[in-house]
Amino acid sequence: MKGNRLRDLLNEGKPTLGTHIISPWPGIVEVIGHSGAFDYVEYTGEYSPFSLEQMDNFGRAIELFPTMSSMMKVEEHGREFIAGRAICAGIQNILFASCRSADDVKECMRLVRPETPEARGLRGCTMSRNLAYGLWVGSDEWIAAMNDTVVAIMLEKSVALDDLKAILSVKGVDMVQFGPADYSISIGKSFQPGSAELQQKEREIVEMSLEMGVAPRVELHSLEQAKPFFDMGVRHFCIGWDVMVMTNWCKQQADAWKNLRDMG
């Protein structure tokens, strides 16, 4: 089975860098993989339409790059089905959105762990592509891979932050990330990027996560924004979105064309 680059780096205590894609087209995965820049690609499936066949093809594309693994952001509704199909497709790690309590997080853990007496998960053997369509069913390698699935949790609801210490205490949570936009909505405010209140809340999450031995991950538009977090002890970042890269490029060309046109 394919090695899990993200799990290996976490186990070794090394920093990680990922990037987001909203398009499920596997060609985007290949473009990113050929760059050699990232340890993993996060498919933000919460924001994007996808088919089960596209998920399989995403998994195939990831396997072209031994030093890059994958993650899928899974929305609240249909968690069990979507997380299960992502894993079966060969997407090795899961980011769960919209958790509201430690009990929610415990249930998310069960969705990705094998149904062994030790793990007490819900994952059973399937004839899916991550098991070579049955070749590795029930193998020790499969059990190990399910136990190695990196579980990341979005902290984006006010009620979740009220339960933060309990969430960080859930066994098996590998990473957490603040979601400022949804947090703002959950406290009755519009999202104001960079506001002092949101910056303070993110600092509190980072500090408590580090104190409790859970890796905080920070989402950024570019690594130019990373130093303040790096100085705090953050070593895990996910930068950029395919659609925003395209949007910014289009805006740059529009501005350049406007300047050139106005010169005439």
Protein backbone atom coordinates (compact mmCIF):
# COMPACT_ATOMS: atom_id res chain seq x y z
CA MET A 1 0.00 0.00 0.00
CA LYS A 2 1.13 3.56 -0.67
CA GLY A 3 3.09 5.21 2.13
CA ASN A 4 1.38 8.08 3.94
CA ARG A 5 3.77 11.01 3.66
CA LEU A 6 1.76 13.23 6.01
CA ARG A 7 1.62 10.55 8.72
CA ASP A 8 5.33 9.86 8.40
CA LEU A 9 6.24 13.52 8.83
CA LEU A 10 3.95 13.92 11.83
CA ASN A 11 5.42 10.82 13.47
CA GLU A 12 8.91 12.19 12.90
CA GLY A 13 8.02 15.58 14.37
CA LYS A 14 8.79 17.36 11.10
CA PRO A 15 6.94 20.34 9.56
CA THR A 16 4.42 19.84 6.77
CA LEU A 17 3.14 21.92 3.87
CA GLY A 18 -0.03 21.26 1.92
CA THR A 19 -2.14 23.05 -0.65
CA HIS A 20 -5.88 23.04 -1.39
CA ILE A 21 -7.72 22.19 -4.58
CA ILE A 22 -11.42 22.58 -5.24
CA SER A 23 -11.36 20.97 -8.68
CA PRO A 24 -11.44 17.13 -8.51
CA TRP A 25 -9.69 16.92 -11.90
CA PRO A 26 -6.68 14.60 -11.37
CA GLY A 27 -4.62 16.66 -13.78
CA ILE A 28 -4.38 19.36 -11.11
CA VAL A 29 -2.96 16.77 -8.72
CA GLU A 30 -0.34 15.87 -11.31
CA VAL A 31 0.65 19.51 -11.87
CA ILE A 32 1.11 19.98 -8.12
CA GLY A 33 2.94 16.67 -7.76
CA HIS A 34 5.41 17.48 -10.51
CA SER A 35 6.31 20.71 -8.71
CA GLY A 36 7.65 18.73 -5.76
CA ALA A 37 6.60 21.61 -3.49
CA PHE A 38 4.04 19.97 -1.23
CA ASP A 39 3.79 17.09 1.21
CA TYR A 40 0.09 16.61 0.56
CA VAL A 41 -2.85 17.90 -1.44
CA GLU A 42 -6.13 18.65 0.30
CA TYR A 43 -9.22 18.17 -1.83
CA THR A 44 -11.78 20.51 -0.28
CA GLY A 45 -14.73 18.29 -1.09
CA GLU A 46 -17.01 20.31 1.18
CA TYR A 47 -17.04 23.05 -1.47
CA SER A 48 -17.06 21.04 -4.67
CA PRO A 49 -19.27 18.65 -6.61
CA PHE A 50 -17.67 15.27 -7.20
CA SER A 51 -18.48 11.76 -8.31
CA LEU A 52 -17.23 8.49 -6.87
CA GLU A 53 -15.32 7.84 -10.10
CA GLN A 54 -13.59 11.21 -9.75
CA MET A 55 -12.52 10.31 -6.23
CA ASP A 56 -10.98 7.07 -7.50
CA ASN A 57 -9.10 8.99 -10.22
CA PHE A 58 -7.90 11.50 -7.63
CA GLY A 59 -6.50 8.57 -5.62
CA ARG A 60 -4.78 7.17 -8.70
CA ALA A 61 -3.12 10.51 -9.46
CA ILE A 62 -1.79 10.82 -5.90
CA GLU A 63 -0.13 7.41 -6.22
CA LEU A 64 2.08 8.74 -9.01
CA PHE A 65 4.01 10.71 -6.39
CA PRO A 66 5.59 8.65 -3.59
CA THR A 67 6.53 11.72 -1.53
CA MET A 68 3.08 13.33 -1.62
CA SER A 69 -0.07 12.17 0.15
CA SER A 70 -3.64 13.42 0.20
CA MET A 71 -6.42 14.69 2.41
CA MET A 72 -10.12 15.34 1.87
CA LYS A 73 -12.18 17.93 3.70
CA VAL A 74 -15.45 16.24 4.59
CA GLU A 75 -18.62 18.14 5.34
CA GLU A 76 -20.88 17.50 8.31
CA HIS A 77 -23.77 15.83 6.51
CA GLY A 78 -22.94 12.42 5.08
CA ARG A 79 -19.65 12.21 6.98
CA GLU A 80 -19.66 8.43 7.28
CA PHE A 81 -20.36 7.81 3.60
CA ILE A 82 -18.02 10.48 2.21
CA ALA A 83 -15.08 9.73 4.53
CA GLY A 84 -15.45 6.02 3.83
CA ARG A 85 -15.53 6.47 0.06
CA ALA A 86 -12.58 8.85 0.18
CA ILE A 87 -10.49 6.28 2.05
CA CYS A 88 -11.60 3.52 -0.32
CA ALA A 89 -10.51 5.72 -3.24
CA GLY A 90 -7.02 6.00 -1.78
CA ILE A 91 -7.30 9.44 -0.14
CA GLN A 92 -5.35 8.72 3.00
CA ASN A 93 -6.22 11.50 5.45
CA ILE A 94 -9.43 13.27 6.47
CA LEU A 95 -10.24 16.80 7.63
CA PHE A 96 -13.64 16.89 9.33
CA ALA A 97 -15.62 20.13 9.15
CA SER A 98 -18.30 21.46 11.50
CA CYS A 99 -17.55 19.43 14.61
CA ARG A 100 -19.34 20.96 17.59
CA SER A 101 -18.23 18.86 20.54
CA ALA A 102 -15.80 16.25 21.76
CA ASP A 103 -18.49 13.63 21.14
CA ASP A 104 -18.66 14.72 17.47
CA VAL A 105 -14.90 14.32 17.21
CA LYS A 106 -14.97 10.88 18.84
CA GLU A 107 -17.53 9.78 16.25
CA CYS A 108 -15.35 11.13 13.44
CA MET A 109 -12.45 9.09 14.79
CA ARG A 110 -14.58 5.94 14.62
CA LEU A 111 -15.42 6.61 10.97
CA VAL A 112 -11.81 6.20 9.85
CA ARG A 113 -10.46 3.56 12.21
CA PRO A 114 -10.69 -0.21 11.60
CA GLU A 115 -13.29 -2.24 13.46
CA THR A 116 -10.75 -4.02 15.62
CA PRO A 117 -11.10 -4.56 19.38
CA GLU A 118 -8.24 -2.12 19.93
CA ALA A 119 -9.29 0.71 17.59
CA ARG A 120 -13.07 0.29 18.02
CA GLY A 121 -13.67 1.94 14.69
CA LEU A 122 -16.28 1.35 12.00
CA ARG A 123 -14.09 0.65 8.96
CA GLY A 124 -14.54 -2.84 7.58
CA CYS A 125 -12.83 -4.57 4.67
CA THR A 126 -14.02 -3.72 1.18
CA MET A 127 -13.10 -4.68 -2.36
CA SER A 128 -12.11 -1.09 -3.08
CA ARG A 129 -9.15 0.32 -4.94
CA ASN A 130 -7.18 1.12 -1.77
CA LEU A 131 -7.26 -2.65 -1.10
CA ALA A 132 -6.33 -3.55 -4.69
CA TYR A 133 -9.96 -4.56 -5.25
CA GLY A 134 -9.76 -7.27 -2.63
CA LEU A 135 -6.11 -8.35 -2.80
CA TRP A 136 -5.26 -6.79 0.58
CA VAL A 137 -8.58 -7.40 2.33
CA GLY A 138 -8.08 -7.98 6.06
CA SER A 139 -4.30 -7.64 5.86
CA ASP A 140 -2.09 -6.28 8.60
CA GLU A 141 -1.02 -3.57 6.16
CA TRP A 142 -4.61 -2.39 5.73
CA ILE A 143 -5.22 -2.32 9.50
CA ALA A 144 -2.04 -0.28 9.95
CA ALA A 145 -3.04 2.11 7.17
CA MET A 146 -6.45 2.76 8.75
CA ASN A 147 -4.82 3.40 12.11
CA ASP A 148 -2.38 5.76 10.39
CA THR A 149 -5.09 7.90 8.77
CA VAL A 150 -4.36 11.46 9.84
CA VAL A 151 -7.44 12.99 11.43
CA ALA A 152 -7.69 16.78 11.34
CA ILE A 153 -10.55 18.76 12.88
CA MET A 154 -11.89 22.17 11.90
CA LEU A 155 -12.55 24.40 14.90
CA GLU A 156 -15.07 26.77 13.41
CA LYS A 157 -18.13 26.84 15.69
CA SER A 158 -18.36 28.84 18.90
CA VAL A 159 -19.73 25.80 20.75
CA ALA A 160 -16.69 23.79 19.65
CA LEU A 161 -14.36 26.38 21.09
CA ASP A 162 -16.32 26.26 24.34
CA ASP A 163 -15.43 22.53 24.34
CA LEU A 164 -11.87 23.04 23.08
CA LYS A 165 -9.97 21.34 25.87
CA ALA A 166 -12.19 18.25 25.65
CA ILE A 167 -11.79 18.14 21.85
CA LEU A 168 -8.01 18.37 22.10
CA SER A 169 -8.11 15.54 24.64
CA VAL A 170 -9.77 13.09 22.23
CA LYS A 171 -7.32 10.28 21.56
CA GLY A 172 -6.12 10.19 17.97
CA VAL A 173 -6.74 13.80 16.93
CA ASP A 174 -3.64 14.73 14.95
CA MET A 175 -4.29 18.28 13.76
CA VAL A 176 -6.71 21.13 14.38
CA GLN A 177 -7.38 24.27 12.40
CA PHE A 178 -9.31 27.44 13.17
CA GLY A 179 -12.07 28.39 10.73
CA PRO A 180 -12.54 32.15 11.19
CA ALA A 181 -15.36 32.66 8.69
CA ASP A 182 -17.73 30.07 10.13
CA TYR A 183 -16.71 31.05 13.65
CA SER A 184 -17.71 34.64 12.90
CA ILE A 185 -21.10 33.55 11.63
CA SER A 186 -21.62 31.32 14.68
CA ILE A 187 -21.22 34.31 17.02
CA GLY A 188 -23.56 36.48 14.97
CA LYS A 189 -21.00 38.57 13.09
CA SER A 190 -19.97 38.91 9.47
CA PHE A 191 -16.51 37.66 8.59
CA GLN A 192 -13.90 40.40 8.92
CA PRO A 193 -10.56 38.89 7.81
CA GLY A 194 -7.65 39.95 9.97
CA SER A 195 -9.76 41.43 12.75
CA ALA A 196 -8.10 41.66 16.17
CA GLU A 197 -10.81 39.42 17.67
CA LEU A 198 -10.20 36.62 15.18
CA GLN A 199 -6.43 36.89 15.48
CA GLN A 200 -6.71 36.58 19.24
CA LYS A 201 -9.00 33.56 18.97
CA GLU A 202 -6.58 31.83 16.61
CA ARG A 203 -3.69 32.54 18.98
CA GLU A 204 -5.64 30.97 21.85
CA ILE A 205 -6.29 27.84 19.79
CA VAL A 206 -2.66 27.57 18.70
CA GLU A 207 -1.36 28.02 22.23
CA MET A 208 -3.71 25.46 23.80
CA SER A 209 -3.11 22.95 20.99
CA LEU A 210 0.65 23.17 21.39
CA GLU A 211 0.31 22.89 25.16
CA MET A 212 -1.79 19.73 24.81
CA GLY A 213 0.40 18.12 22.15
CA VAL A 214 -1.97 18.44 19.19
CA ALA A 215 -0.53 19.95 16.01
CA PRO A 216 -2.18 23.23 15.00
CA ARG A 217 -2.42 23.77 11.26
CA VAL A 218 -2.76 27.25 9.81
CA GLU A 219 -4.34 28.09 6.46
CA LEU A 220 -2.68 30.93 4.54
CA HIS A 221 -2.83 32.55 1.13
CA SER A 222 0.97 32.44 0.91
CA LEU A 223 3.99 31.57 3.04
CA GLU A 224 4.76 35.28 3.35
CA GLN A 225 2.12 35.27 6.11
CA ALA A 226 3.64 32.33 8.01
CA LYS A 227 6.40 33.85 10.16
CA PRO A 228 4.26 35.08 13.11
CA PHE A 229 2.75 31.61 13.41
CA PHE A 230 6.13 29.92 12.96
CA ASP A 231 7.48 32.05 15.81
CA MET A 232 4.60 30.76 17.99
CA GLY A 233 5.64 27.17 17.29
CA VAL A 234 3.31 26.29 14.39
CA ARG A 235 4.97 23.89 11.95
CA HIS A 236 2.03 22.84 9.77
CA PHE A 237 0.61 25.02 7.03
CA CYS A 238 -1.75 24.66 4.08
CA ILE A 239 -1.49 27.42 1.51
CA GLY A 240 -3.40 28.52 -1.56
CA TRP A 241 -6.43 27.29 -3.50
CA ASP A 242 -6.45 26.41 -7.18
CA VAL A 243 -9.42 28.70 -7.89
CA MET A 244 -7.84 31.64 -6.06
CA VAL A 245 -4.56 31.21 -7.92
CA MET A 246 -6.55 31.44 -11.17
CA THR A 247 -8.60 34.38 -9.94
CA ASN A 248 -5.53 36.34 -8.86
CA TRP A 249 -3.77 35.65 -12.16
CA CYS A 250 -6.82 36.83 -14.10
CA LYS A 251 -7.00 40.01 -12.04
CA GLN A 252 -3.30 40.68 -12.60
CA GLN A 253 -3.73 40.32 -16.35
CA ALA A 254 -6.82 42.52 -16.30
CA ASP A 255 -4.90 45.26 -14.49
CA ALA A 256 -1.94 44.92 -16.86
CA TRP A 257 -4.25 45.12 -19.88
CA LYS A 258 -6.05 48.15 -18.48
CA ASN A 259 -2.74 49.95 -17.93
CA LEU A 260 -1.54 49.07 -21.43
CA ARG A 261 -4.84 50.08 -23.02
CA ASP A 262 -4.93 53.39 -21.17
CA MET A 263 -1.43 54.21 -22.43
CA GLY A 264 -2.86 54.24 -25.97
